[in-house]
Amino acid sequence: MTRIALIHALAHSVEPINQEMASAWPEAVRMNLLDDSLSADLARRASEGLTGLDAAMHQRFETLAAYAEGTGADGILFTCSAFGPCIEAAAACRPHMPVLKPNEAMVADAVGAGGRIGLIASFAPTLASMPAEFPAGTDLVTQLADGAMEALNQGDGALHDALVLAAARQLRSQGAGVIALAQFSMARARDAVEQALGMPVLTTPGSAVRALRRRLGV
């Protein structure tokens, strides 16, 4: 039976990916690792004017990946979207197994959809780092759903979804033909955006699970 390690830097990411796995790949065995100090430490560094991901952060991701592999995982999915270079380094050390960044599958799906892509994030470091993951020349517009993560932290899911929808409206007004929700924690807003705007909305959990299954041939 296929075993998938899900590694999280935000508690809010745990439920969306587990719901997607249960729905789209129920036969897979899941294990969850959460270190919510990763995002907190990254935000603190940003508030101090420090940019980039230092060697210590890279080592933390390597340690998490090594632990997951040691438990017998057949594949690893990181759900923390602001740490792309750290995840790429962990993946490079494991060519024998899929190690996915949270958003790489969604990026491919969004580019494949064609037209202008509207990218929304609720975590500012994600919005700063993720555009570089799209191919050069991609027609991309971005918007921060300011206050959405804080709303989720305070238990106000309705406000979170409303703020994501407001950001999507802004991007539609700029010509976006597809909306990409950059973080796992934002997947809960997909239905609200689709119903209100009548346009396709991509989420990181949905794209990631499909990609894992393809990579593992199951």
Protein backbone atom coordinates (compact mmCIF):
# COMPACT_ATOMS: atom_id res chain seq x y z
CA MET A 1 0.00 0.00 0.00
CA THR A 2 1.33 3.43 -0.96
CA ARG A 3 2.50 5.57 1.95
CA ILE A 4 2.60 9.35 1.56
CA ALA A 5 4.26 11.76 3.99
CA LEU A 6 2.57 15.15 4.29
CA ILE A 7 4.82 17.79 5.84
CA HIS A 8 3.29 21.04 7.06
CA ALA A 9 4.51 24.44 8.24
CA LEU A 10 1.00 25.71 8.99
CA ALA A 11 -1.65 23.94 11.04
CA HIS A 12 -4.27 25.25 8.60
CA SER A 13 -2.76 23.14 5.81
CA VAL A 14 -3.38 19.81 7.52
CA GLU A 15 -7.14 19.58 6.97
CA PRO A 16 -7.30 20.61 3.28
CA ILE A 17 -4.76 18.07 2.04
CA ASN A 18 -6.12 15.28 4.23
CA GLN A 19 -9.61 15.96 2.90
CA GLU A 20 -8.31 15.87 -0.67
CA MET A 21 -6.38 12.65 -0.05
CA ALA A 22 -9.41 11.01 1.56
CA SER A 23 -11.56 11.98 -1.41
CA ALA A 24 -9.20 11.47 -4.35
CA TRP A 25 -6.84 8.76 -3.03
CA PRO A 26 -8.51 7.00 -0.09
CA GLU A 27 -6.41 3.85 -0.35
CA ALA A 28 -3.15 5.71 0.32
CA VAL A 29 -1.69 5.58 3.82
CA ARG A 30 -1.08 9.10 5.12
CA MET A 31 1.33 10.36 7.73
CA ASN A 32 1.39 14.00 8.85
CA LEU A 33 4.34 15.98 10.20
CA LEU A 34 3.70 19.52 11.47
CA ASP A 35 6.32 22.10 12.48
CA ASP A 36 4.46 25.39 12.71
CA SER A 37 7.59 27.20 13.85
CA LEU A 38 8.84 27.11 10.25
CA SER A 39 6.38 29.74 9.04
CA ALA A 40 6.64 31.70 12.27
CA ASP A 41 10.43 31.86 11.97
CA LEU A 42 10.24 32.86 8.31
CA ALA A 43 7.78 35.66 9.10
CA ARG A 44 10.02 36.83 11.95
CA ARG A 45 13.05 36.96 9.64
CA ALA A 46 11.05 39.00 7.14
CA SER A 47 9.96 41.44 9.87
CA GLU A 48 13.63 41.91 10.74
CA GLY A 49 14.47 42.75 7.14
CA LEU A 50 16.17 39.42 6.46
CA THR A 51 15.44 37.85 3.09
CA GLY A 52 15.95 34.40 1.67
CA LEU A 53 16.17 30.99 3.29
CA ASP A 54 19.33 30.45 5.29
CA ALA A 55 21.38 27.28 5.73
CA ALA A 56 19.68 26.48 9.02
CA MET A 57 16.26 26.49 7.35
CA HIS A 58 17.55 24.24 4.57
CA GLN A 59 18.84 21.79 7.17
CA ARG A 60 15.47 21.72 8.94
CA PHE A 61 13.77 20.68 5.71
CA GLU A 62 16.39 18.03 5.00
CA THR A 63 15.84 16.65 8.51
CA LEU A 64 12.07 16.48 7.97
CA ALA A 65 12.48 14.77 4.60
CA ALA A 66 14.96 12.25 6.01
CA TYR A 67 12.60 11.40 8.86
CA ALA A 68 9.68 10.94 6.46
CA GLU A 69 11.73 8.71 4.18
CA GLY A 70 12.88 6.70 7.18
CA THR A 71 9.29 5.86 8.07
CA GLY A 72 8.89 4.10 4.72
CA ALA A 73 7.19 6.85 2.76
CA ASP A 74 6.92 6.24 -0.98
CA GLY A 75 6.45 9.94 -1.67
CA ILE A 76 6.67 13.24 0.19
CA LEU A 77 4.45 16.25 -0.27
CA PHE A 78 5.40 19.49 1.45
CA THR A 79 2.39 21.74 1.98
CA CYS A 80 4.32 24.90 2.90
CA SER A 81 4.47 27.15 -0.13
CA ALA A 82 7.06 29.74 0.94
CA PHE A 83 10.00 27.31 1.13
CA GLY A 84 10.55 26.26 -2.48
CA PRO A 85 14.38 26.24 -2.52
CA CYS A 86 14.53 24.16 0.67
CA ILE A 87 12.14 21.60 -0.81
CA GLU A 88 14.02 21.51 -4.11
CA ALA A 89 17.23 20.72 -2.23
CA ALA A 90 15.54 17.90 -0.31
CA ALA A 91 14.12 16.52 -3.56
CA ALA A 92 17.52 16.64 -5.27
CA CYS A 93 18.87 14.32 -2.57
CA ARG A 94 16.06 11.81 -3.29
CA PRO A 95 15.89 11.16 -7.04
CA HIS A 96 14.45 7.71 -6.31
CA MET A 97 11.16 9.06 -4.95
CA PRO A 98 8.76 11.95 -5.63
CA VAL A 99 9.30 14.91 -3.32
CA LEU A 100 6.89 17.63 -4.32
CA LYS A 101 6.67 21.30 -3.58
CA PRO A 102 3.11 22.22 -2.67
CA ASN A 103 2.51 24.40 -5.68
CA GLU A 104 4.54 22.84 -8.50
CA ALA A 105 1.63 20.72 -9.77
CA MET A 106 -0.77 23.65 -9.61
CA VAL A 107 1.69 25.84 -11.51
CA ALA A 108 1.76 23.24 -14.29
CA ASP A 109 -2.04 23.00 -14.33
CA ALA A 110 -2.42 26.79 -14.41
CA VAL A 111 0.07 27.22 -17.25
CA GLY A 112 -1.65 24.40 -19.12
CA ALA A 113 -4.97 26.20 -18.85
CA GLY A 114 -3.63 29.03 -21.00
CA GLY A 115 -4.39 32.73 -20.78
CA ARG A 116 -3.71 35.11 -17.93
CA ILE A 117 -3.34 33.52 -14.49
CA GLY A 118 -4.47 35.25 -11.32
CA LEU A 119 -2.41 34.11 -8.32
CA ILE A 120 -3.69 34.77 -4.79
CA ALA A 121 -1.81 34.23 -1.53
CA SER A 122 -2.70 35.05 2.06
CA PHE A 123 0.90 34.82 3.32
CA ALA A 124 3.08 37.65 2.00
CA PRO A 125 6.33 35.60 1.73
CA THR A 126 4.50 33.14 -0.52
CA LEU A 127 3.36 35.91 -2.85
CA ALA A 128 6.95 37.18 -2.98
CA SER A 129 8.54 33.81 -3.76
CA MET A 130 6.03 31.92 -5.88
CA PRO A 131 5.95 33.92 -9.15
CA ALA A 132 9.52 32.81 -9.84
CA GLU A 133 8.26 29.22 -9.98
CA PHE A 134 6.23 29.94 -13.12
CA PRO A 135 7.95 29.59 -16.50
CA ALA A 136 9.52 32.73 -17.91
CA GLY A 137 7.02 34.73 -19.91
CA THR A 138 3.94 33.43 -18.07
CA ASP A 139 1.11 35.98 -18.14
CA LEU A 140 0.65 36.31 -14.38
CA VAL A 141 -1.05 38.83 -12.12
CA THR A 142 -0.90 38.55 -8.34
CA GLN A 143 -2.88 39.72 -5.34
CA LEU A 144 -2.41 39.41 -1.59
CA ALA A 145 -5.60 38.48 0.26
CA ASP A 146 -4.61 40.82 3.06
CA GLY A 147 -6.00 39.77 6.43
CA ALA A 148 -7.23 36.37 5.23
CA MET A 149 -4.66 34.34 7.14
CA GLU A 150 -5.27 36.38 10.27
CA ALA A 151 -8.99 35.70 9.91
CA LEU A 152 -8.33 31.97 9.65
CA ASN A 153 -6.05 32.12 12.69
CA GLN A 154 -8.92 33.68 14.62
CA GLY A 155 -11.37 31.02 13.49
CA ASP A 156 -13.30 33.23 11.06
CA GLY A 157 -13.44 31.07 7.95
CA ALA A 158 -16.22 33.13 6.39
CA LEU A 159 -14.12 36.30 6.51
CA HIS A 160 -11.14 34.41 5.11
CA ASP A 161 -13.21 33.23 2.15
CA ALA A 162 -14.66 36.71 1.59
CA LEU A 163 -11.18 38.26 1.49
CA VAL A 164 -9.96 35.64 -0.98
CA LEU A 165 -13.03 36.31 -3.12
CA ALA A 166 -12.33 40.06 -3.04
CA ALA A 167 -8.79 39.39 -4.23
CA ALA A 168 -10.12 37.16 -7.02
CA ARG A 169 -12.45 39.94 -8.16
CA GLN A 170 -9.47 42.27 -8.40
CA LEU A 171 -7.60 39.78 -10.55
CA ARG A 172 -10.58 39.14 -12.80
CA SER A 173 -10.79 42.89 -13.40
CA GLN A 174 -7.16 42.68 -14.56
CA GLY A 175 -8.03 40.05 -17.15
CA ALA A 176 -7.29 36.80 -15.30
CA GLY A 177 -9.03 33.81 -16.86
CA VAL A 178 -8.13 31.30 -14.16
CA ILE A 179 -7.56 31.78 -10.44
CA ALA A 180 -4.79 29.89 -8.63
CA LEU A 181 -4.97 29.73 -4.83
CA ALA A 182 -1.34 29.56 -3.74
CA GLN A 183 -1.66 27.91 -0.32
CA PHE A 184 -3.21 24.72 0.98
CA SER A 185 -5.00 26.70 3.69
CA MET A 186 -6.85 28.66 0.98
CA ALA A 187 -8.46 25.63 -0.70
CA ARG A 188 -11.58 26.07 1.45
CA ALA A 189 -12.40 29.23 -0.55
CA ARG A 190 -12.49 27.48 -3.94
CA ASP A 191 -16.23 26.87 -4.08
CA ALA A 192 -17.07 30.42 -2.98
CA VAL A 193 -14.87 31.92 -5.69
CA GLU A 194 -16.10 29.58 -8.42
CA GLN A 195 -19.75 30.17 -7.58
CA ALA A 196 -19.40 33.95 -7.32
CA LEU A 197 -17.24 34.53 -10.38
CA GLY A 198 -18.03 31.59 -12.65
CA MET A 199 -14.39 31.00 -13.51
CA PRO A 200 -12.05 28.05 -12.95
CA VAL A 201 -10.21 27.97 -9.63
CA LEU A 202 -7.17 25.76 -9.04
CA THR A 203 -6.07 24.64 -5.58
CA THR A 204 -2.76 23.24 -4.45
CA PRO A 205 -4.19 20.10 -2.77
CA GLY A 206 -6.14 18.97 -5.83
CA SER A 207 -3.27 19.45 -8.26
CA ALA A 208 -0.70 17.94 -5.88
CA VAL A 209 -2.60 14.70 -5.27
CA ARG A 210 -3.11 14.16 -9.00
CA ALA A 211 0.60 14.75 -9.61
CA LEU A 212 1.69 12.35 -6.87
CA ARG A 213 -0.47 9.60 -8.30
CA ARG A 214 0.97 10.15 -11.77
CA ARG A 215 4.55 10.14 -10.47
CA LEU A 216 3.99 6.91 -8.56
CA GLY A 217 1.96 5.28 -11.33
CA VAL A 218 -1.00 4.45 -9.10
